[in-house]
Amino acid sequence: MLRFPKDFLWGAATSSYQVEGDNKNCDWWEWEKTAGLKETSGHACRHYELFKKDFDLAKELNHNAHRFSIEWSRIEPRERQFSHKEINHYREVTLALRERGIEPIVTLHHFTNPAWFTASGGWLSNNACGQFTRYVEKIVSELCENVRLMCAGLD
């Protein structure tokens, strides 16, 4: 009989924009409003407030890992202005996972961008790499104590 390795990670994943709700500094939020969509992300499923309950459910399902994205537009709502409140929120998320024996896996970019970044040219701008690097360095320095696995983004 085949067996998975003892340290195999079983879990689920979320995208911050899709589950957190009220992500008003994000380029997708702006697009939803200007496109006139019938259904928007709005409050989503309120994972931003309910993450501990969500992780209790994941623990009941025997998850030992959870991949989640950090919303850059929450962390840096305006260029070069980091939100300590939001950094602390994501720190609480990682600690809530650890308390339940669930390995946090951070995705640093899951397709959404801060509105200011998109307005300044987004990924086509000559400044894009430096702007993204600044955000990544901030997150890594703030969360590395509780997170050992991070990825830059998804294809």
N, C-alpha and C. Protein backbone atom coordinates (compact mmCIF):
# COMPACT_ATOMS: atom_id res chain seq x y z
N MET A 1 0.84 -1.18 0.00
CA MET A 1 0.00 0.00 0.00
C MET A 1 0.89 1.25 0.00
N LEU A 2 0.57 2.19 -0.88
CA LEU A 2 1.30 3.44 -0.92
C LEU A 2 0.91 4.32 0.24
N ARG A 3 1.89 5.01 0.79
CA ARG A 3 1.63 5.93 1.90
C ARG A 3 2.25 7.29 1.57
N PHE A 4 1.57 8.30 2.01
CA PHE A 4 2.14 9.64 1.87
C PHE A 4 3.22 9.81 2.92
N PRO A 5 4.23 10.61 2.62
CA PRO A 5 5.27 10.87 3.61
C PRO A 5 4.67 11.44 4.91
N LYS A 6 5.31 11.14 6.01
CA LYS A 6 4.83 11.59 7.33
C LYS A 6 4.64 13.11 7.39
N ASP A 7 5.50 13.86 6.73
CA ASP A 7 5.44 15.32 6.79
C ASP A 7 4.70 15.94 5.60
N PHE A 8 3.89 15.14 4.90
CA PHE A 8 3.12 15.65 3.76
C PHE A 8 2.13 16.71 4.25
N LEU A 9 1.99 17.79 3.48
CA LEU A 9 1.10 18.87 3.87
C LEU A 9 -0.27 18.70 3.19
N TRP A 10 -1.30 18.58 4.02
CA TRP A 10 -2.68 18.47 3.55
C TRP A 10 -3.41 19.75 3.94
N GLY A 11 -4.10 20.36 3.00
CA GLY A 11 -4.81 21.57 3.37
C GLY A 11 -5.62 22.14 2.25
N ALA A 12 -5.84 23.42 2.35
CA ALA A 12 -6.62 24.17 1.37
C ALA A 12 -5.95 25.51 1.15
N ALA A 13 -6.53 26.29 0.24
CA ALA A 13 -5.96 27.59 -0.07
C ALA A 13 -7.07 28.61 -0.28
N THR A 14 -6.73 29.86 -0.01
CA THR A 14 -7.66 30.96 -0.25
C THR A 14 -6.94 32.10 -0.96
N SER A 15 -7.72 32.93 -1.60
CA SER A 15 -7.23 34.17 -2.19
C SER A 15 -7.82 35.30 -1.37
N SER A 16 -6.99 36.17 -0.87
CA SER A 16 -7.48 37.24 0.01
C SER A 16 -8.61 38.03 -0.62
N TYR A 17 -8.48 38.39 -1.88
CA TYR A 17 -9.51 39.20 -2.51
C TYR A 17 -10.85 38.47 -2.55
N GLN A 18 -10.81 37.17 -2.75
CA GLN A 18 -12.04 36.40 -2.89
C GLN A 18 -12.73 36.11 -1.57
N VAL A 19 -11.99 36.08 -0.47
CA VAL A 19 -12.61 35.66 0.79
C VAL A 19 -12.69 36.74 1.87
N GLU A 20 -11.78 37.71 1.86
CA GLU A 20 -11.72 38.67 2.96
C GLU A 20 -12.86 39.69 2.94
N GLY A 21 -13.12 40.25 1.79
CA GLY A 21 -14.15 41.28 1.67
C GLY A 21 -13.64 42.68 1.94
N ASP A 22 -14.37 43.65 1.43
CA ASP A 22 -14.11 45.08 1.65
C ASP A 22 -12.66 45.50 1.36
N ASN A 23 -12.17 45.04 0.25
CA ASN A 23 -10.80 45.31 -0.15
C ASN A 23 -10.74 46.57 -1.02
N LYS A 24 -11.04 47.70 -0.45
CA LYS A 24 -11.32 48.92 -1.19
C LYS A 24 -10.11 49.62 -1.81
N ASN A 25 -8.90 49.25 -1.46
CA ASN A 25 -7.71 49.89 -2.03
C ASN A 25 -7.14 49.11 -3.20
N CYS A 26 -7.86 48.14 -3.67
CA CYS A 26 -7.39 47.19 -4.67
C CYS A 26 -7.88 47.57 -6.07
N ASP A 27 -7.06 47.28 -7.09
CA ASP A 27 -7.46 47.59 -8.46
C ASP A 27 -8.69 46.80 -8.90
N TRP A 28 -8.88 45.59 -8.42
CA TRP A 28 -10.07 44.82 -8.80
C TRP A 28 -11.32 45.45 -8.20
N TRP A 29 -11.24 46.00 -7.00
CA TRP A 29 -12.39 46.66 -6.38
C TRP A 29 -12.84 47.81 -7.28
N GLU A 30 -11.86 48.60 -7.72
CA GLU A 30 -12.18 49.71 -8.61
C GLU A 30 -12.80 49.22 -9.91
N TRP A 31 -12.23 48.15 -10.47
CA TRP A 31 -12.75 47.60 -11.72
C TRP A 31 -14.19 47.11 -11.54
N GLU A 32 -14.48 46.43 -10.44
CA GLU A 32 -15.84 45.96 -10.18
C GLU A 32 -16.83 47.12 -10.21
N LYS A 33 -16.45 48.24 -9.63
CA LYS A 33 -17.35 49.40 -9.56
C LYS A 33 -17.54 50.03 -10.94
N THR A 34 -16.47 50.18 -11.70
CA THR A 34 -16.57 50.83 -13.01
C THR A 34 -17.18 49.92 -14.07
N ALA A 35 -17.05 48.62 -13.92
CA ALA A 35 -17.60 47.67 -14.90
C ALA A 35 -19.10 47.47 -14.72
N GLY A 36 -19.64 47.90 -13.60
CA GLY A 36 -21.07 47.77 -13.35
C GLY A 36 -21.53 46.33 -13.18
N LEU A 37 -20.73 45.54 -12.52
CA LEU A 37 -21.08 44.12 -12.31
C LEU A 37 -22.33 43.98 -11.45
N LYS A 38 -23.13 42.97 -11.73
CA LYS A 38 -24.32 42.71 -10.92
C LYS A 38 -23.92 42.15 -9.56
N GLU A 39 -22.89 41.34 -9.56
CA GLU A 39 -22.39 40.76 -8.31
C GLU A 39 -20.94 41.19 -8.13
N THR A 40 -20.64 41.72 -6.97
CA THR A 40 -19.27 42.15 -6.68
C THR A 40 -18.76 41.40 -5.46
N SER A 41 -17.50 41.57 -5.16
CA SER A 41 -16.91 40.87 -4.02
C SER A 41 -17.49 41.37 -2.69
N GLY A 42 -17.80 42.65 -2.61
CA GLY A 42 -18.43 43.21 -1.41
C GLY A 42 -17.79 42.73 -0.12
N HIS A 43 -18.60 42.11 0.71
CA HIS A 43 -18.11 41.59 1.99
C HIS A 43 -17.53 40.18 1.85
N ALA A 44 -17.64 39.60 0.64
CA ALA A 44 -17.17 38.24 0.38
C ALA A 44 -17.74 37.30 1.44
N CYS A 45 -16.94 36.40 1.98
CA CYS A 45 -17.45 35.51 3.03
C CYS A 45 -16.92 35.93 4.41
N ARG A 46 -16.38 37.15 4.46
CA ARG A 46 -15.95 37.78 5.72
C ARG A 46 -14.84 37.02 6.44
N HIS A 47 -14.00 36.38 5.67
CA HIS A 47 -12.87 35.66 6.26
C HIS A 47 -11.96 36.60 7.06
N TYR A 48 -11.92 37.86 6.65
CA TYR A 48 -11.09 38.84 7.37
C TYR A 48 -11.45 38.86 8.86
N GLU A 49 -12.74 38.79 9.16
CA GLU A 49 -13.20 38.78 10.56
C GLU A 49 -13.32 37.37 11.13
N LEU A 50 -13.63 36.41 10.28
CA LEU A 50 -13.99 35.06 10.75
C LEU A 50 -12.87 34.03 10.61
N PHE A 51 -11.64 34.47 10.35
CA PHE A 51 -10.57 33.53 10.06
C PHE A 51 -10.36 32.48 11.15
N LYS A 52 -10.51 32.83 12.41
CA LYS A 52 -10.30 31.84 13.48
C LYS A 52 -11.34 30.72 13.40
N LYS A 53 -12.58 31.07 13.16
CA LYS A 53 -13.63 30.05 12.99
C LYS A 53 -13.36 29.21 11.75
N ASP A 54 -12.92 29.86 10.68
CA ASP A 54 -12.59 29.12 9.46
C ASP A 54 -11.46 28.13 9.71
N PHE A 55 -10.47 28.54 10.48
CA PHE A 55 -9.34 27.65 10.77
C PHE A 55 -9.73 26.53 11.72
N ASP A 56 -10.70 26.79 12.60
CA ASP A 56 -11.23 25.70 13.44
C ASP A 56 -11.85 24.62 12.56
N LEU A 57 -12.58 25.03 11.54
CA LEU A 57 -13.17 24.07 10.61
C LEU A 57 -12.09 23.30 9.85
N ALA A 58 -11.05 24.01 9.43
CA ALA A 58 -9.95 23.35 8.73
C ALA A 58 -9.29 22.31 9.63
N LYS A 59 -9.11 22.64 10.89
CA LYS A 59 -8.52 21.70 11.85
C LYS A 59 -9.41 20.46 12.00
N GLU A 60 -10.72 20.66 12.08
CA GLU A 60 -11.66 19.55 12.17
C GLU A 60 -11.55 18.62 10.96
N LEU A 61 -11.17 19.17 9.83
CA LEU A 61 -11.00 18.39 8.60
C LEU A 61 -9.60 17.78 8.49
N ASN A 62 -8.82 17.91 9.57
CA ASN A 62 -7.46 17.36 9.65
C ASN A 62 -6.47 18.02 8.70
N HIS A 63 -6.71 19.28 8.39
CA HIS A 63 -5.71 20.01 7.60
C HIS A 63 -4.49 20.27 8.48
N ASN A 64 -3.33 20.21 7.86
CA ASN A 64 -2.11 20.59 8.58
C ASN A 64 -1.37 21.70 7.85
N ALA A 65 -2.02 22.27 6.80
CA ALA A 65 -1.43 23.39 6.05
C ALA A 65 -2.54 24.25 5.49
N HIS A 66 -2.23 25.53 5.34
CA HIS A 66 -3.18 26.45 4.71
C HIS A 66 -2.39 27.51 3.96
N ARG A 67 -2.66 27.59 2.65
CA ARG A 67 -2.03 28.63 1.85
C ARG A 67 -3.01 29.78 1.71
N PHE A 68 -2.55 30.98 2.01
CA PHE A 68 -3.39 32.17 1.89
C PHE A 68 -2.56 33.29 1.31
N SER A 69 -3.24 34.21 0.67
CA SER A 69 -2.50 35.34 0.10
C SER A 69 -2.65 36.56 1.00
N ILE A 70 -1.64 37.37 0.94
CA ILE A 70 -1.65 38.65 1.65
C ILE A 70 -1.99 39.72 0.63
N GLU A 71 -2.95 40.54 0.96
CA GLU A 71 -3.41 41.56 0.04
C GLU A 71 -2.49 42.78 0.12
N TRP A 72 -1.67 42.93 -0.92
CA TRP A 72 -0.72 44.03 -0.99
C TRP A 72 -1.42 45.37 -0.78
N SER A 73 -2.61 45.54 -1.31
CA SER A 73 -3.30 46.83 -1.19
C SER A 73 -3.73 47.13 0.24
N ARG A 74 -3.82 46.13 1.09
CA ARG A 74 -4.08 46.38 2.52
C ARG A 74 -2.77 46.80 3.21
N ILE A 75 -1.70 46.13 2.86
CA ILE A 75 -0.41 46.37 3.50
C ILE A 75 0.16 47.74 3.13
N GLU A 76 0.03 48.10 1.85
CA GLU A 76 0.56 49.38 1.36
C GLU A 76 -0.56 50.11 0.60
N PRO A 77 -1.54 50.65 1.33
CA PRO A 77 -2.69 51.27 0.67
C PRO A 77 -2.33 52.50 -0.17
N ARG A 78 -1.25 53.17 0.20
CA ARG A 78 -0.70 54.27 -0.58
C ARG A 78 0.80 54.00 -0.70
N GLU A 79 1.35 54.41 -1.81
CA GLU A 79 2.76 54.11 -2.05
C GLU A 79 3.64 54.56 -0.88
N ARG A 80 4.47 53.64 -0.42
CA ARG A 80 5.43 53.87 0.67
C ARG A 80 4.78 54.09 2.03
N GLN A 81 3.50 53.85 2.16
CA GLN A 81 2.81 53.99 3.45
C GLN A 81 2.27 52.63 3.87
N PHE A 82 2.99 51.99 4.77
CA PHE A 82 2.60 50.66 5.23
C PHE A 82 1.62 50.76 6.40
N SER A 83 0.65 49.87 6.40
CA SER A 83 -0.36 49.85 7.46
C SER A 83 0.05 48.83 8.52
N HIS A 84 0.45 49.31 9.68
CA HIS A 84 0.83 48.41 10.77
C HIS A 84 -0.37 47.61 11.27
N LYS A 85 -1.54 48.21 11.19
CA LYS A 85 -2.77 47.51 11.58
C LYS A 85 -2.95 46.25 10.71
N GLU A 86 -2.76 46.40 9.41
CA GLU A 86 -2.96 45.26 8.50
C GLU A 86 -1.84 44.24 8.63
N ILE A 87 -0.62 44.70 8.84
CA ILE A 87 0.49 43.76 9.07
C ILE A 87 0.19 42.94 10.32
N ASN A 88 -0.29 43.60 11.36
CA ASN A 88 -0.65 42.88 12.59
C ASN A 88 -1.80 41.91 12.36
N HIS A 89 -2.73 42.27 11.50
CA HIS A 89 -3.83 41.35 11.18
C HIS A 89 -3.27 40.05 10.58
N TYR A 90 -2.40 40.18 9.60
CA TYR A 90 -1.85 38.98 8.97
C TYR A 90 -0.94 38.21 9.94
N ARG A 91 -0.31 38.91 10.86
CA ARG A 91 0.46 38.23 11.90
C ARG A 91 -0.50 37.39 12.75
N GLU A 92 -1.64 37.96 13.11
CA GLU A 92 -2.65 37.20 13.87
C GLU A 92 -3.14 35.98 13.09
N VAL A 93 -3.29 36.13 11.79
CA VAL A 93 -3.70 35.00 10.95
C VAL A 93 -2.67 33.88 11.05
N THR A 94 -1.39 34.23 10.92
CA THR A 94 -0.36 33.19 10.98
C THR A 94 -0.32 32.54 12.36
N LEU A 95 -0.48 33.33 13.40
CA LEU A 95 -0.48 32.77 14.75
C LEU A 95 -1.69 31.87 14.99
N ALA A 96 -2.85 32.26 14.46
CA ALA A 96 -4.06 31.43 14.60
C ALA A 96 -3.86 30.07 13.93
N LEU A 97 -3.20 30.07 12.79
CA LEU A 97 -2.90 28.81 12.12
C LEU A 97 -1.94 27.97 12.97
N ARG A 98 -0.87 28.58 13.43
CA ARG A 98 0.12 27.88 14.26
C ARG A 98 -0.52 27.29 15.52
N GLU A 99 -1.40 28.05 16.16
CA GLU A 99 -2.07 27.57 17.38
C GLU A 99 -2.88 26.31 17.11
N ARG A 100 -3.31 26.10 15.89
CA ARG A 100 -4.12 24.94 15.52
C ARG A 100 -3.27 23.83 14.89
N GLY A 101 -1.97 24.03 14.88
CA GLY A 101 -1.08 23.04 14.29
C GLY A 101 -1.15 23.00 12.77
N ILE A 102 -1.51 24.14 12.18
CA ILE A 102 -1.63 24.25 10.73
C ILE A 102 -0.49 25.12 10.21
N GLU A 103 0.25 24.59 9.25
CA GLU A 103 1.40 25.30 8.67
C GLU A 103 0.91 26.44 7.78
N PRO A 104 1.26 27.70 8.10
CA PRO A 104 0.88 28.80 7.21
C PRO A 104 1.81 28.86 5.99
N ILE A 105 1.22 28.99 4.83
CA ILE A 105 1.97 29.15 3.58
C ILE A 105 1.47 30.44 2.95
N VAL A 106 2.34 31.40 2.81
CA VAL A 106 1.96 32.74 2.35
C VAL A 106 2.22 32.89 0.85
N THR A 107 1.20 33.36 0.14
CA THR A 107 1.35 33.80 -1.25
C THR A 107 1.43 35.32 -1.20
N LEU A 108 2.52 35.86 -1.70
CA LEU A 108 2.76 37.29 -1.62
C LEU A 108 1.99 38.10 -2.67
N HIS A 109 1.60 37.46 -3.76
CA HIS A 109 0.85 38.16 -4.80
C HIS A 109 -0.10 37.19 -5.47
N HIS A 110 -1.39 37.49 -5.40
CA HIS A 110 -2.40 36.62 -6.01
C HIS A 110 -3.26 37.42 -6.97
N PHE A 111 -2.59 38.06 -7.93
CA PHE A 111 -3.20 38.74 -9.07
C PHE A 111 -3.74 40.14 -8.81
N THR A 112 -4.08 40.50 -7.60
CA THR A 112 -4.59 41.85 -7.35
C THR A 112 -3.45 42.78 -6.99
N ASN A 113 -3.66 44.05 -7.25
CA ASN A 113 -2.64 45.07 -6.99
C ASN A 113 -3.26 46.26 -6.27
N PRO A 114 -2.42 47.01 -5.54
CA PRO A 114 -2.94 48.26 -4.98
C PRO A 114 -3.38 49.18 -6.12
N ALA A 115 -4.44 49.92 -5.91
CA ALA A 115 -4.95 50.84 -6.94
C ALA A 115 -3.87 51.84 -7.36
N TRP A 116 -3.08 52.34 -6.39
CA TRP A 116 -2.03 53.31 -6.72
C TRP A 116 -0.99 52.69 -7.66
N PHE A 117 -0.69 51.39 -7.48
CA PHE A 117 0.29 50.70 -8.31
C PHE A 117 -0.21 50.61 -9.75
N THR A 118 -1.46 50.20 -9.91
CA THR A 118 -2.05 50.10 -11.25
C THR A 118 -2.11 51.46 -11.92
N ALA A 119 -2.50 52.49 -11.16
CA ALA A 119 -2.60 53.84 -11.71
C ALA A 119 -1.25 54.38 -12.15
N SER A 120 -0.16 53.89 -11.55
CA SER A 120 1.18 54.37 -11.92
C SER A 120 1.81 53.53 -13.04
N GLY A 121 1.02 52.66 -13.65
CA GLY A 121 1.54 51.87 -14.77
C GLY A 121 1.61 50.39 -14.49
N GLY A 122 1.39 50.00 -13.25
CA GLY A 122 1.39 48.58 -12.90
C GLY A 122 2.68 47.87 -13.26
N TRP A 123 2.55 46.64 -13.73
CA TRP A 123 3.72 45.81 -14.02
C TRP A 123 4.50 46.29 -15.24
N LEU A 124 3.94 47.21 -16.01
CA LEU A 124 4.66 47.74 -17.18
C LEU A 124 5.52 48.94 -16.81
N SER A 125 5.37 49.42 -15.60
CA SER A 125 6.14 50.57 -15.15
C SER A 125 7.60 50.18 -14.89
N ASN A 126 8.50 51.11 -15.13
CA ASN A 126 9.92 50.87 -14.82
C ASN A 126 10.15 50.71 -13.33
N ASN A 127 9.21 51.20 -12.51
CA ASN A 127 9.35 51.13 -11.05
C ASN A 127 8.74 49.87 -10.44
N ALA A 128 8.07 49.05 -11.24
CA ALA A 128 7.30 47.92 -10.72
C ALA A 128 8.14 46.96 -9.87
N CYS A 129 9.29 46.58 -10.34
CA CYS A 129 10.12 45.62 -9.59
C CYS A 129 10.52 46.18 -8.23
N GLY A 130 10.92 47.43 -8.21
CA GLY A 130 11.30 48.06 -6.95
C GLY A 130 10.13 48.20 -5.99
N GLN A 131 8.98 48.55 -6.53
CA GLN A 131 7.79 48.69 -5.69
C GLN A 131 7.37 47.35 -5.08
N PHE A 132 7.37 46.31 -5.90
CA PHE A 132 7.00 44.99 -5.40
C PHE A 132 8.04 44.47 -4.41
N THR A 133 9.31 44.69 -4.71
CA THR A 133 10.39 44.26 -3.81
C THR A 133 10.25 44.91 -2.45
N ARG A 134 9.92 46.19 -2.43
CA ARG A 134 9.74 46.91 -1.15
C ARG A 134 8.66 46.24 -0.31
N TYR A 135 7.52 45.92 -0.94
CA TYR A 135 6.42 45.24 -0.25
C TYR A 135 6.85 43.85 0.25
N VAL A 136 7.51 43.09 -0.61
CA VAL A 136 7.94 41.74 -0.23
C VAL A 136 8.91 41.80 0.94
N GLU A 137 9.88 42.69 0.89
CA GLU A 137 10.84 42.82 1.99
C GLU A 137 10.13 43.16 3.30
N LYS A 138 9.12 44.00 3.23
CA LYS A 138 8.36 44.37 4.43
C LYS A 138 7.64 43.15 5.00
N ILE A 139 6.95 42.41 4.16
CA ILE A 139 6.20 41.24 4.63
C ILE A 139 7.13 40.17 5.17
N VAL A 140 8.19 39.89 4.45
CA VAL A 140 9.13 38.85 4.92
C VAL A 140 9.71 39.24 6.27
N SER A 141 10.12 40.49 6.42
CA SER A 141 10.71 40.91 7.69
C SER A 141 9.69 40.87 8.83
N GLU A 142 8.44 41.15 8.53
CA GLU A 142 7.40 41.19 9.58
C GLU A 142 6.87 39.81 9.95
N LEU A 143 6.83 38.88 9.00
CA LEU A 143 6.18 37.60 9.25
C LEU A 143 7.11 36.39 9.31
N CYS A 144 8.39 36.58 9.02
CA CYS A 144 9.29 35.44 8.92
C CYS A 144 9.41 34.65 10.22
N GLU A 145 9.12 35.25 11.34
CA GLU A 145 9.20 34.56 12.62
C GLU A 145 8.17 33.42 12.72
N ASN A 146 7.02 33.58 12.06
CA ASN A 146 5.95 32.60 12.15
C ASN A 146 5.66 31.86 10.84
N VAL A 147 6.31 32.27 9.77
CA VAL A 147 6.04 31.66 8.46
C VAL A 147 7.36 31.18 7.87
N ARG A 148 7.40 29.90 7.51
CA ARG A 148 8.63 29.39 6.89
C ARG A 148 8.48 29.13 5.40
N LEU A 149 7.22 29.14 4.90
CA LEU A 149 6.99 28.88 3.47
C LEU A 149 6.24 30.06 2.84
N MET A 150 6.87 30.65 1.83
CA MET A 150 6.25 31.75 1.10
C MET A 150 6.51 31.54 -0.39
N CYS A 151 5.57 32.01 -1.19
CA CYS A 151 5.77 31.98 -2.64
C CYS A 151 5.38 33.34 -3.19
N ALA A 152 5.98 33.70 -4.33
CA ALA A 152 5.74 35.03 -4.89
C ALA A 152 4.36 35.15 -5.51
N GLY A 153 3.85 34.12 -6.11
CA GLY A 153 2.54 34.20 -6.75
C GLY A 153 2.21 32.93 -7.48
N LEU A 154 1.09 32.96 -8.15
CA LEU A 154 0.61 31.79 -8.88
C LEU A 154 0.53 32.10 -10.36
N ASP A 155 0.73 31.10 -11.15
CA ASP A 155 0.59 31.24 -12.61
C ASP A 155 -0.84 30.99 -13.03
